[in-house]
Amino acid sequence: MSRLLVVQNHRGGGPGRFGDWLVADGVSLDVVRAYAGEPLPRRTEHDGVLVLGGGYLPDDDARAPWLAPTRALVAGAVERGDPVFGICLGGQLLARVAGGTVRGEHGEPEFGSTPLTLRGEAGADPLLAGLPERVTAVEHHVDAVTALPPGATWLASSERCPYQAFRVGERAWGVQFHPEAGADRVGGWDADRLRARGFDPSELLRRAELDEPAAEAVWREVARRFAAVVRAGAAGHESRGARAVSS
């Protein structure tokens, strides 16, 4: 079974349904709860890396000292061409590692189910090709990518945040939204914090529940495709290893 290293950055931010879908499609998850002090490997022998969200900037090493080794892992994976998927903070970290820029408290915050527009470049993307041009996903961020890495492929945008999805090279994706989160996650958010940001918690939940069926189908398909990328990479590793042994 293909193995994916998963970096969890806060207690409530596990891989959720995205992780369940990956497992159903033949990818095992090794979750490192970095926020709780679990150590990250210096170099991963996994077939890919998944970095989850969290309330930090990607270089917030003083508050989250595990981010430095996470950046090193992602940089190594990108250099080797291993599959990478970064969600929210994870997507920002990928952008930062690859030469883009990220700013804290930038622009207008996004919370709850949010309309996204796939760009024309998504039509040739291994994960997004053929999906509806307009989709929704759960958002929960105040920080944002403000410049993509040089050479990155810009895949999706929203009204408030242009860089919602991008790809670095052939097999590393970053997204600002949360494909692992459904409407139930929205219902568990801090209502006072949402109101302080100008959002109505009840309306956010209602909107997320209405959007859930269509959104779940889209992100389930993306998980299936990413699992296929990870499995293909694992097969390539095995093939290269067999050739090395025979030579």
C-alpha atoms as a PDB file:
ATOM      1  CA  MET A   1       0.000   0.000   0.000  1.00  0.00           C
ATOM      2  CA  SER A   2       1.287   3.483  -0.836  1.00  0.00           C
ATOM      3  CA  ARG A   3       2.218   5.587   2.197  1.00  0.00           C
ATOM      4  CA  LEU A   4       1.587   9.289   2.681  1.00  0.00           C
ATOM      5  CA  LEU A   5       3.184  11.356   5.445  1.00  0.00           C
ATOM      6  CA  VAL A   6       0.581  13.703   6.966  1.00  0.00           C
ATOM      7  CA  VAL A   7       1.645  16.713   9.042  1.00  0.00           C
ATOM      8  CA  GLN A   8      -1.076  17.850  11.467  1.00  0.00           C
ATOM      9  CA  ASN A   9      -0.602  21.402  12.766  1.00  0.00           C
ATOM     10  CA  HIS A  10      -3.309  21.731  15.424  1.00  0.00           C
ATOM     11  CA  ARG A  11      -5.486  19.483  17.534  1.00  0.00           C
ATOM     12  CA  GLY A  12      -8.723  19.942  15.591  1.00  0.00           C
ATOM     13  CA  GLY A  13      -7.116  19.850  12.163  1.00  0.00           C
ATOM     14  CA  GLY A  14      -6.890  16.187  11.200  1.00  0.00           C
ATOM     15  CA  PRO A  15      -7.118  14.843   7.642  1.00  0.00           C
ATOM     16  CA  GLY A  16     -10.899  14.390   7.969  1.00  0.00           C
ATOM     17  CA  ARG A  17     -12.870  13.035   5.061  1.00  0.00           C
ATOM     18  CA  PHE A  18     -10.017  13.743   2.608  1.00  0.00           C
ATOM     19  CA  GLY A  19      -7.907  11.278   4.563  1.00  0.00           C
ATOM     20  CA  ASP A  20     -10.739   8.738   4.619  1.00  0.00           C
ATOM     21  CA  TRP A  21     -11.065   9.005   0.852  1.00  0.00           C
ATOM     22  CA  LEU A  22      -7.327   8.532   0.316  1.00  0.00           C
ATOM     23  CA  VAL A  23      -7.339   5.406   2.473  1.00  0.00           C
ATOM     24  CA  ALA A  24     -10.340   4.060   0.551  1.00  0.00           C
ATOM     25  CA  ASP A  25      -8.324   4.520  -2.640  1.00  0.00           C
ATOM     26  CA  GLY A  26      -5.282   2.594  -1.482  1.00  0.00           C
ATOM     27  CA  VAL A  27      -3.096   5.136   0.316  1.00  0.00           C
ATOM     28  CA  SER A  28      -2.161   4.587   3.963  1.00  0.00           C
ATOM     29  CA  LEU A  29      -1.651   7.653   6.164  1.00  0.00           C
ATOM     30  CA  ASP A  30       1.122   8.122   8.698  1.00  0.00           C
ATOM     31  CA  VAL A  31      -0.142  11.133  10.672  1.00  0.00           C
ATOM     32  CA  VAL A  32       2.469  13.073  12.633  1.00  0.00           C
ATOM     33  CA  ARG A  33       0.799  15.268  15.267  1.00  0.00           C
ATOM     34  CA  ALA A  34       3.533  17.853  15.080  1.00  0.00           C
ATOM     35  CA  TYR A  35       1.586  20.345  17.226  1.00  0.00           C
ATOM     36  CA  ALA A  36       1.794  17.827  20.099  1.00  0.00           C
ATOM     37  CA  GLY A  37       5.548  17.369  19.810  1.00  0.00           C
ATOM     38  CA  GLU A  38       5.641  14.228  17.678  1.00  0.00           C
ATOM     39  CA  PRO A  39       8.902  14.347  15.715  1.00  0.00           C
ATOM     40  CA  LEU A  40       9.081  14.696  11.977  1.00  0.00           C
ATOM     41  CA  PRO A  41      11.607  12.626  10.031  1.00  0.00           C
ATOM     42  CA  ARG A  42      14.600  14.462   8.610  1.00  0.00           C
ATOM     43  CA  ARG A  43      13.870  12.823   5.272  1.00  0.00           C
ATOM     44  CA  THR A  44      10.750  10.892   4.486  1.00  0.00           C
ATOM     45  CA  GLU A  45      10.708   7.548   2.721  1.00  0.00           C
ATOM     46  CA  HIS A  46       6.983   7.983   2.106  1.00  0.00           C
ATOM     47  CA  ASP A  47       5.436   8.224  -1.333  1.00  0.00           C
ATOM     48  CA  GLY A  48       4.176  11.774  -0.759  1.00  0.00           C
ATOM     49  CA  VAL A  49       3.437  14.489   1.789  1.00  0.00           C
ATOM     50  CA  LEU A  50       0.151  16.035   2.924  1.00  0.00           C
ATOM     51  CA  VAL A  51       0.410  19.186   5.079  1.00  0.00           C
ATOM     52  CA  LEU A  52      -2.777  20.286   6.850  1.00  0.00           C
ATOM     53  CA  GLY A  53      -3.998  23.667   8.062  1.00  0.00           C
ATOM     54  CA  GLY A  54      -3.300  25.587  11.253  1.00  0.00           C
ATOM     55  CA  GLY A  55      -3.374  29.065  12.736  1.00  0.00           C
ATOM     56  CA  TYR A  56       0.190  30.015  11.816  1.00  0.00           C
ATOM     57  CA  LEU A  57       2.122  31.619   9.011  1.00  0.00           C
ATOM     58  CA  PRO A  58       4.413  29.128   7.251  1.00  0.00           C
ATOM     59  CA  ASP A  59       7.548  30.588   8.865  1.00  0.00           C
ATOM     60  CA  ASP A  60       6.074  31.143  12.351  1.00  0.00           C
ATOM     61  CA  ASP A  61       8.888  29.094  13.885  1.00  0.00           C
ATOM     62  CA  ALA A  62       8.792  30.793  17.292  1.00  0.00           C
ATOM     63  CA  ARG A  63       5.248  29.587  17.988  1.00  0.00           C
ATOM     64  CA  ALA A  64       5.397  26.428  15.883  1.00  0.00           C
ATOM     65  CA  PRO A  65       8.981  25.104  15.812  1.00  0.00           C
ATOM     66  CA  TRP A  66       7.984  22.059  13.762  1.00  0.00           C
ATOM     67  CA  LEU A  67       7.347  24.272  10.735  1.00  0.00           C
ATOM     68  CA  ALA A  68      11.066  24.475   9.903  1.00  0.00           C
ATOM     69  CA  PRO A  69      11.430  20.690   9.473  1.00  0.00           C
ATOM     70  CA  THR A  70       8.086  20.641   7.652  1.00  0.00           C
ATOM     71  CA  ARG A  71       9.395  23.180   5.154  1.00  0.00           C
ATOM     72  CA  ALA A  72      12.495  21.025   4.677  1.00  0.00           C
ATOM     73  CA  LEU A  73      10.360  17.928   4.042  1.00  0.00           C
ATOM     74  CA  VAL A  74       8.187  19.741   1.506  1.00  0.00           C
ATOM     75  CA  ALA A  75      11.215  21.264  -0.221  1.00  0.00           C
ATOM     76  CA  GLY A  76      12.795  17.825  -0.510  1.00  0.00           C
ATOM     77  CA  ALA A  77       9.600  16.296  -1.864  1.00  0.00           C
ATOM     78  CA  VAL A  78       9.252  19.043  -4.477  1.00  0.00           C
ATOM     79  CA  GLU A  79      12.893  18.644  -5.503  1.00  0.00           C
ATOM     80  CA  ARG A  80      12.448  14.879  -5.947  1.00  0.00           C
ATOM     81  CA  GLY A  81       9.119  15.271  -7.734  1.00  0.00           C
ATOM     82  CA  ASP A  82       7.201  13.413  -5.023  1.00  0.00           C
ATOM     83  CA  PRO A  83       3.474  14.168  -4.658  1.00  0.00           C
ATOM     84  CA  VAL A  84       2.610  17.000  -2.269  1.00  0.00           C
ATOM     85  CA  PHE A  85      -0.784  18.351  -1.214  1.00  0.00           C
ATOM     86  CA  GLY A  86      -0.918  21.415   1.045  1.00  0.00           C
ATOM     87  CA  ILE A  87      -4.177  22.595   2.645  1.00  0.00           C
ATOM     88  CA  CYS A  88      -4.585  26.182   3.918  1.00  0.00           C
ATOM     89  CA  LEU A  89      -1.398  26.643   5.995  1.00  0.00           C
ATOM     90  CA  GLY A  90       0.003  23.676   4.075  1.00  0.00           C
ATOM     91  CA  GLY A  91      -0.705  25.397   0.766  1.00  0.00           C
ATOM     92  CA  GLN A  92       0.855  28.616   2.026  1.00  0.00           C
ATOM     93  CA  LEU A  93       3.894  26.662   3.177  1.00  0.00           C
ATOM     94  CA  LEU A  94       4.287  25.099  -0.266  1.00  0.00           C
ATOM     95  CA  ALA A  95       4.076  28.557  -1.832  1.00  0.00           C
ATOM     96  CA  ARG A  96       6.692  29.897   0.589  1.00  0.00           C
ATOM     97  CA  VAL A  97       9.079  26.963   0.045  1.00  0.00           C
ATOM     98  CA  ALA A  98       8.850  27.282  -3.737  1.00  0.00           C
ATOM     99  CA  GLY A  99       9.574  31.024  -3.766  1.00  0.00           C
ATOM    100  CA  GLY A 100       6.140  32.661  -3.420  1.00  0.00           C
ATOM    101  CA  THR A 101       5.028  35.110  -0.742  1.00  0.00           C
ATOM    102  CA  VAL A 102       2.480  34.856   2.074  1.00  0.00           C
ATOM    103  CA  ARG A 103       1.102  37.697   4.209  1.00  0.00           C
ATOM    104  CA  GLY A 104      -0.712  37.543   7.518  1.00  0.00           C
ATOM    105  CA  GLU A 105      -4.124  39.178   7.961  1.00  0.00           C
ATOM    106  CA  HIS A 106      -4.149  40.028   4.272  1.00  0.00           C
ATOM    107  CA  GLY A 107      -7.251  41.170   2.399  1.00  0.00           C
ATOM    108  CA  GLU A 108     -10.718  40.103   3.503  1.00  0.00           C
ATOM    109  CA  PRO A 109     -11.126  36.931   5.580  1.00  0.00           C
ATOM    110  CA  GLU A 110     -13.012  33.930   4.213  1.00  0.00           C
ATOM    111  CA  PHE A 111     -15.090  31.650   6.421  1.00  0.00           C
ATOM    112  CA  GLY A 112     -17.575  28.967   5.489  1.00  0.00           C
ATOM    113  CA  SER A 113     -18.643  27.558   2.136  1.00  0.00           C
ATOM    114  CA  THR A 114     -17.146  29.800  -0.551  1.00  0.00           C
ATOM    115  CA  PRO A 115     -17.643  29.878  -4.341  1.00  0.00           C
ATOM    116  CA  LEU A 116     -14.474  29.146  -6.309  1.00  0.00           C
ATOM    117  CA  THR A 117     -13.784  29.580  -9.999  1.00  0.00           C
ATOM    118  CA  LEU A 118     -11.485  27.157 -11.800  1.00  0.00           C
ATOM    119  CA  ARG A 119      -9.204  28.892 -14.257  1.00  0.00           C
ATOM    120  CA  GLY A 120      -8.529  27.730 -17.780  1.00  0.00           C
ATOM    121  CA  GLU A 121      -5.233  26.186 -16.662  1.00  0.00           C
ATOM    122  CA  ALA A 122      -7.198  23.734 -14.520  1.00  0.00           C
ATOM    123  CA  GLY A 123      -8.420  22.060 -17.713  1.00  0.00           C
ATOM    124  CA  ALA A 124      -5.040  20.365 -18.103  1.00  0.00           C
ATOM    125  CA  ASP A 125      -4.420  19.682 -14.418  1.00  0.00           C
ATOM    126  CA  PRO A 126      -4.268  16.043 -13.218  1.00  0.00           C
ATOM    127  CA  LEU A 127      -6.500  16.781 -10.209  1.00  0.00           C
ATOM    128  CA  LEU A 128      -8.922  19.412 -11.517  1.00  0.00           C
ATOM    129  CA  ALA A 129      -9.406  18.686 -15.223  1.00  0.00           C
ATOM    130  CA  GLY A 130     -13.035  18.236 -16.219  1.00  0.00           C
ATOM    131  CA  LEU A 131     -14.496  19.463 -12.929  1.00  0.00           C
ATOM    132  CA  PRO A 132     -17.227  22.133 -12.884  1.00  0.00           C
ATOM    133  CA  GLU A 133     -15.938  25.643 -13.526  1.00  0.00           C
ATOM    134  CA  ARG A 134     -17.779  26.871 -10.415  1.00  0.00           C
ATOM    135  CA  VAL A 135     -17.359  24.833  -7.233  1.00  0.00           C
ATOM    136  CA  THR A 136     -17.590  25.522  -3.515  1.00  0.00           C
ATOM    137  CA  ALA A 137     -15.289  24.634  -0.625  1.00  0.00           C
ATOM    138  CA  VAL A 138     -15.057  25.410   3.071  1.00  0.00           C
ATOM    139  CA  GLU A 139     -12.720  28.297   3.898  1.00  0.00           C
ATOM    140  CA  HIS A 140     -11.250  29.353   7.238  1.00  0.00           C
ATOM    141  CA  HIS A 141      -8.429  31.868   6.817  1.00  0.00           C
ATOM    142  CA  VAL A 142      -7.255  35.419   7.342  1.00  0.00           C
ATOM    143  CA  ASP A 143      -3.736  34.949   5.911  1.00  0.00           C
ATOM    144  CA  ALA A 144      -3.154  34.479   2.193  1.00  0.00           C
ATOM    145  CA  VAL A 145      -0.692  33.759  -0.583  1.00  0.00           C
ATOM    146  CA  THR A 146       0.037  37.121  -2.215  1.00  0.00           C
ATOM    147  CA  ALA A 147       2.391  35.966  -4.996  1.00  0.00           C
ATOM    148  CA  LEU A 148       2.684  32.521  -6.519  1.00  0.00           C
ATOM    149  CA  PRO A 149       6.080  30.823  -6.835  1.00  0.00           C
ATOM    150  CA  PRO A 150       7.892  31.430 -10.115  1.00  0.00           C
ATOM    151  CA  GLY A 151       6.590  29.043 -12.752  1.00  0.00           C
ATOM    152  CA  ALA A 152       3.637  27.837 -10.657  1.00  0.00           C
ATOM    153  CA  THR A 153       0.376  27.028 -12.433  1.00  0.00           C
ATOM    154  CA  TRP A 154      -2.540  29.112 -11.126  1.00  0.00           C
ATOM    155  CA  LEU A 155      -5.617  26.875 -10.961  1.00  0.00           C
ATOM    156  CA  ALA A 156      -8.467  28.530  -9.007  1.00  0.00           C
ATOM    157  CA  SER A 157      -9.569  31.809  -7.455  1.00  0.00           C
ATOM    158  CA  SER A 158     -12.342  33.314  -5.334  1.00  0.00           C
ATOM    159  CA  GLU A 159     -13.806  36.804  -5.105  1.00  0.00           C
ATOM    160  CA  ARG A 160     -11.844  37.703  -1.969  1.00  0.00           C
ATOM    161  CA  CYS A 161      -8.688  35.633  -2.467  1.00  0.00           C
ATOM    162  CA  PRO A 162      -7.186  35.159  -5.923  1.00  0.00           C
ATOM    163  CA  TYR A 163      -4.766  32.310  -5.196  1.00  0.00           C
ATOM    164  CA  GLN A 164      -7.090  29.516  -4.105  1.00  0.00           C
ATOM    165  CA  ALA A 165      -5.271  26.658  -5.833  1.00  0.00           C
ATOM    166  CA  PHE A 166      -1.961  26.272  -7.651  1.00  0.00           C
ATOM    167  CA  ARG A 167       0.499  23.609  -8.725  1.00  0.00           C
ATOM    168  CA  VAL A 168       4.273  23.663  -8.416  1.00  0.00           C
ATOM    169  CA  GLY A 169       5.967  21.483 -11.004  1.00  0.00           C
ATOM    170  CA  GLU A 170       4.013  18.408 -12.011  1.00  0.00           C
ATOM    171  CA  ARG A 171       2.932  16.887  -8.679  1.00  0.00           C
ATOM    172  CA  ALA A 172       2.788  19.456  -5.872  1.00  0.00           C
ATOM    173  CA  TRP A 173      -0.528  21.212  -5.153  1.00  0.00           C
ATOM    174  CA  GLY A 174      -1.458  23.935  -2.711  1.00  0.00           C
ATOM    175  CA  VAL A 175      -5.013  25.013  -1.871  1.00  0.00           C
ATOM    176  CA  GLN A 176      -6.256  27.783   0.392  1.00  0.00           C
ATOM    177  CA  PHE A 177      -9.543  26.025   1.148  1.00  0.00           C
ATOM    178  CA  HIS A 178     -10.359  22.870   3.137  1.00  0.00           C
ATOM    179  CA  PRO A 179     -11.475  19.891   1.014  1.00  0.00           C
ATOM    180  CA  GLU A 180     -11.264  17.734   4.151  1.00  0.00           C
ATOM    181  CA  ALA A 181     -13.951  19.791   5.934  1.00  0.00           C
ATOM    182  CA  GLY A 182     -17.687  19.400   5.515  1.00  0.00           C
ATOM    183  CA  ALA A 183     -20.614  21.325   6.963  1.00  0.00           C
ATOM    184  CA  ASP A 184     -20.210  19.580  10.312  1.00  0.00           C
ATOM    185  CA  ARG A 185     -16.830  21.298  10.759  1.00  0.00           C
ATOM    186  CA  VAL A 186     -18.445  24.700  10.157  1.00  0.00           C
ATOM    187  CA  GLY A 187     -21.008  23.982  12.870  1.00  0.00           C
ATOM    188  CA  GLY A 188     -18.227  23.460  15.408  1.00  0.00           C
ATOM    189  CA  TRP A 189     -16.495  26.816  14.961  1.00  0.00           C
ATOM    190  CA  ASP A 190     -16.332  29.486  17.690  1.00  0.00           C
ATOM    191  CA  ALA A 191     -19.499  31.568  17.184  1.00  0.00           C
ATOM    192  CA  ASP A 192     -18.137  34.644  18.984  1.00  0.00           C
ATOM    193  CA  ARG A 193     -14.997  34.672  16.841  1.00  0.00           C
ATOM    194  CA  LEU A 194     -17.098  34.454  13.690  1.00  0.00           C
ATOM    195  CA  ARG A 195     -19.337  37.329  14.768  1.00  0.00           C
ATOM    196  CA  ALA A 196     -16.268  39.417  15.580  1.00  0.00           C
ATOM    197  CA  ARG A 197     -15.169  38.907  11.973  1.00  0.00           C
ATOM    198  CA  GLY A 198     -18.587  39.985  10.694  1.00  0.00           C
ATOM    199  CA  PHE A 199     -20.049  36.551   9.936  1.00  0.00           C
ATOM    200  CA  ASP A 200     -23.376  35.049  11.025  1.00  0.00           C
ATOM    201  CA  PRO A 201     -22.645  31.525  12.371  1.00  0.00           C
ATOM    202  CA  SER A 202     -26.143  30.247  11.590  1.00  0.00           C
ATOM    203  CA  GLU A 203     -26.006  31.489   8.020  1.00  0.00           C
ATOM    204  CA  LEU A 204     -22.542  29.983   7.504  1.00  0.00           C
ATOM    205  CA  LEU A 205     -23.815  26.583   8.626  1.00  0.00           C
ATOM    206  CA  ARG A 206     -26.984  26.832   6.518  1.00  0.00           C
ATOM    207  CA  ARG A 207     -24.981  27.718   3.406  1.00  0.00           C
ATOM    208  CA  ALA A 208     -22.474  24.938   4.008  1.00  0.00           C
ATOM    209  CA  GLU A 209     -25.224  22.347   4.420  1.00  0.00           C
ATOM    210  CA  LEU A 210     -26.866  23.445   1.165  1.00  0.00           C
ATOM    211  CA  ASP A 211     -23.570  23.283  -0.736  1.00  0.00           C
ATOM    212  CA  GLU A 212     -22.400  20.029   0.843  1.00  0.00           C
ATOM    213  CA  PRO A 213     -23.684  17.414  -1.659  1.00  0.00           C
ATOM    214  CA  ALA A 214     -22.145  18.998  -4.749  1.00  0.00           C
ATOM    215  CA  ALA A 215     -18.949  20.034  -2.966  1.00  0.00           C
ATOM    216  CA  GLU A 216     -18.406  16.598  -1.463  1.00  0.00           C
ATOM    217  CA  ALA A 217     -18.665  14.964  -4.882  1.00  0.00           C
ATOM    218  CA  VAL A 218     -16.041  17.319  -6.328  1.00  0.00           C
ATOM    219  CA  TRP A 219     -13.486  16.927  -3.529  1.00  0.00           C
ATOM    220  CA  ARG A 220     -14.044  13.184  -3.377  1.00  0.00           C
ATOM    221  CA  GLU A 221     -12.999  13.035  -7.027  1.00  0.00           C
ATOM    222  CA  VAL A 222      -9.940  15.210  -6.357  1.00  0.00           C
ATOM    223  CA  ALA A 223      -8.910  12.867  -3.521  1.00  0.00           C
ATOM    224  CA  ARG A 224      -9.321   9.882  -5.838  1.00  0.00           C
ATOM    225  CA  ARG A 225      -7.067  11.515  -8.412  1.00  0.00           C
ATOM    226  CA  PHE A 226      -4.435  12.525  -5.859  1.00  0.00           C
ATOM    227  CA  ALA A 227      -4.414   8.963  -4.521  1.00  0.00           C
ATOM    228  CA  ALA A 228      -3.734   7.773  -8.073  1.00  0.00           C
ATOM    229  CA  VAL A 229      -0.802  10.203  -8.328  1.00  0.00           C
ATOM    230  CA  VAL A 230       0.612   8.904  -5.033  1.00  0.00           C
ATOM    231  CA  ARG A 231       0.203   5.272  -6.103  1.00  0.00           C
ATOM    232  CA  ALA A 232       1.891   5.975  -9.435  1.00  0.00           C
ATOM    233  CA  GLY A 233       4.791   7.593  -7.610  1.00  0.00           C
ATOM    234  CA  ALA A 234       5.103   4.591  -5.318  1.00  0.00           C
ATOM    235  CA  ALA A 235       5.237   2.279  -8.325  1.00  0.00           C
ATOM    236  CA  GLY A 236       8.000   4.424  -9.792  1.00  0.00           C
ATOM    237  CA  HIS A 237       9.987   4.223  -6.552  1.00  0.00           C
ATOM    238  CA  GLU A 238       9.700   0.430  -6.550  1.00  0.00           C
ATOM    239  CA  SER A 239      10.764   0.217 -10.174  1.00  0.00           C
ATOM    240  CA  ARG A 240      13.819   2.420  -9.606  1.00  0.00           C
ATOM    241  CA  GLY A 241      14.719   0.389  -6.512  1.00  0.00           C
ATOM    242  CA  ALA A 242      14.484  -2.880  -8.429  1.00  0.00           C
ATOM    243  CA  ARG A 243      16.741  -1.542 -11.188  1.00  0.00           C
ATOM    244  CA  ALA A 244      19.271  -0.353  -8.593  1.00  0.00           C
ATOM    245  CA  VAL A 245      19.355  -3.818  -6.982  1.00  0.00           C
ATOM    246  CA  SER A 246      19.742  -5.619 -10.314  1.00  0.00           C
ATOM    247  CA  SER A 247      22.562  -3.323 -11.400  1.00  0.00           C
END
